[in-house]
Amino acid sequence: MSFSEFGLHKDIVTSLVNAGYEHPTPLQKQLIPLIMERKSVIIDSQTAAGKTGSYLIPLASHLMVKPSEDYSGARTLILTSRRDRVNQINYTLKKIINEHPIRTGFISGGRPYQHQMRLLKRPLDILIATPGRLNDLVQNNKSDFSSLETLIIDDFSIIYHHGLQDLCKSILEKANNDCTTIAFVQRNDPSADFLHKLLPVAEKVEVPEEKHPLLSVPQHVYISDDHTHKIAIIDQMMDELNDESLLVFTNSNKSAETLQESLANNDHQATIAHKTGSETKINAEENPIIIISDQSGVNFDARSYKNIIHFDLPKQTSVFQLRITNHGWEELERPASILVGPSDRVTLKKIESTAGESLEQRNLPGLEALNPYLPTPLLTLGKKDGKKGKKGAKNSRRGNSHLGGKSNKNNNRQKQHKGPYGRLNGGIHRKRDTQNPQSSSPSQRNVSGNGNGNGNSNGNNYNSRPKRNFNQSSPSQSNYRKPKSAFNQNQSDANLSMQELGERKPVKRKVVIRYKDRKKSQSRETPETPTGE
């Protein structure tokens, strides 16, 4: 069956052929005829193949067959819950219309309100919007849905669990009576009951759920503690394979070379793909054990290898998807093995969240990980408990103590002071021991100013500041100079007492005068002699 059998506009059929759309998917075979007949439909699937094209193809054909000029607002509204999904829909639409004059607009968060307010009242053929921002504009009476002909709800279940189901109801109330609704809902979800009540006349389409491309190949995860643990796991796996063909993936050429050396030390001879120098496809007959890095870009015969091991995970999930798709590995003899080290756990979380399913974990006897990986709970569609940012709530996020948060752990090293006796072991902070001034402890040692260590009141005790006796006569303030620091005194000054230092006369310093200033001063001091004498 081809797209020309649906009665589409001839330009749309030509654009589909040029874009590479040859045959419709099972969902497109059921949905395109219903949309062409202008019927409301509820689809019990959110991940079926060809979902975006199943409603964009008949919509583009309808807009080109029945153009309209005298209207305000959008003729078609597409609601989707994610911003990246807006870009995907726009990309698919451009391939379908192929530069035909169809006016489109976008409304999403993170953009100015004023432009989007004006956009809602402009004559548009297709308007793609996220429900959060559109709900704000609708509540402020900035929307006009009087000319709305088709409403597409790309993922009603997520919109429902975000509490925005009333937005769809208000849009249908403001639209005209001939508006058709196409809604995709998750099967066996509470949102399906609400949608069936909202659209009681809509026809129902059931499509079998398809696996995500990341889950198209059976896979098992093996957790490792470090690189050495990874080598031990892959060594035991290769011993169990008994010289069967094996394909090992790494994320870099350097990692492939390091792995080859480690396997050679364990009596496993492997070949690196980017070092073969072969222009033909690499196959299992010539290279039974091959190591291919994501940087090599070599051409290999994937179907000749029956065993796959991912020694490293790439940083991006799209690169991991290229490893396993379009290679005919749906019927492997054994599930592919993924070795996950500490640096690979972030990528594993991305893969599981993108695929919507946690991968099965396995352990080899005797090589269990000491630090196991606990799969993070996937994002559910249920409502969150509690309010975000509640006052007084503790931050349970770990690893942010350097950002200023208080650490829950009792770190005794933070309480330790510098030095063997703490910060009280030096300077004027030393405590004075009047009971035993001759103690050998550095915190009790009595250092006198005259160097005899007898601890009399005339000496300068550096263990503590001496108490000032206001009854004793002190040297005159005019002749008193503050004594120099003990670190800067000369050897002769060290033998002087405090009284001698107080009565010491200030030393006359020599002042360097520039030559011009000195010449002027000499000319002023020399008296002028009479010329007549």
Foldseek 3Di string as FASTA:
>chain_A
DAPVVLVFDPLLSVLCVVLPNGHDDPLLVPQLNCVLVLFAEEEQDQADPCLLVSPLSNLLRVCVVDPDDPDWFEQEEEEDADPVVVVVSVVVNCSRNVPDPFFEEEEEPPDDPVVVLVNQGHYGHYYYYYQPRVVVCVVVVSHAQANYAEYEYNEQLLCVLVPNPVVVVVSVVRYDPNHHYYYYYHPPGPSVVVVCVSPVPHHYDYDDDDFDLLPLFAEAEEEAADPVLLLVVVLVVVVVVPLAAEEEEEADPVVVVVSQVSVVVVVDHFAEDLPPPDQDAAACVVGRHYYYHLPRPHHHQLVRGQEYEYSADYPDVVSVSVVRPPRPNSDHPDTYYYYDYPVRVVVQLVSCQVRVHHHHYDYDVPSHHPDDDDHDDHDDSHHDPDDPPDPPDDDPDPDCVVVPDDDPDDDVVVVAAPDPVHPCQDFQSQDEDPVCQCDPDSSHHFQFQQRPRPPDPQTQTRSHGDDDDPPDDDDDPVQADDDDDPVPDDPVNSNDTPNCNGNDHDDDDDDDDDPVVVVVVVVVPDDDDDPVD
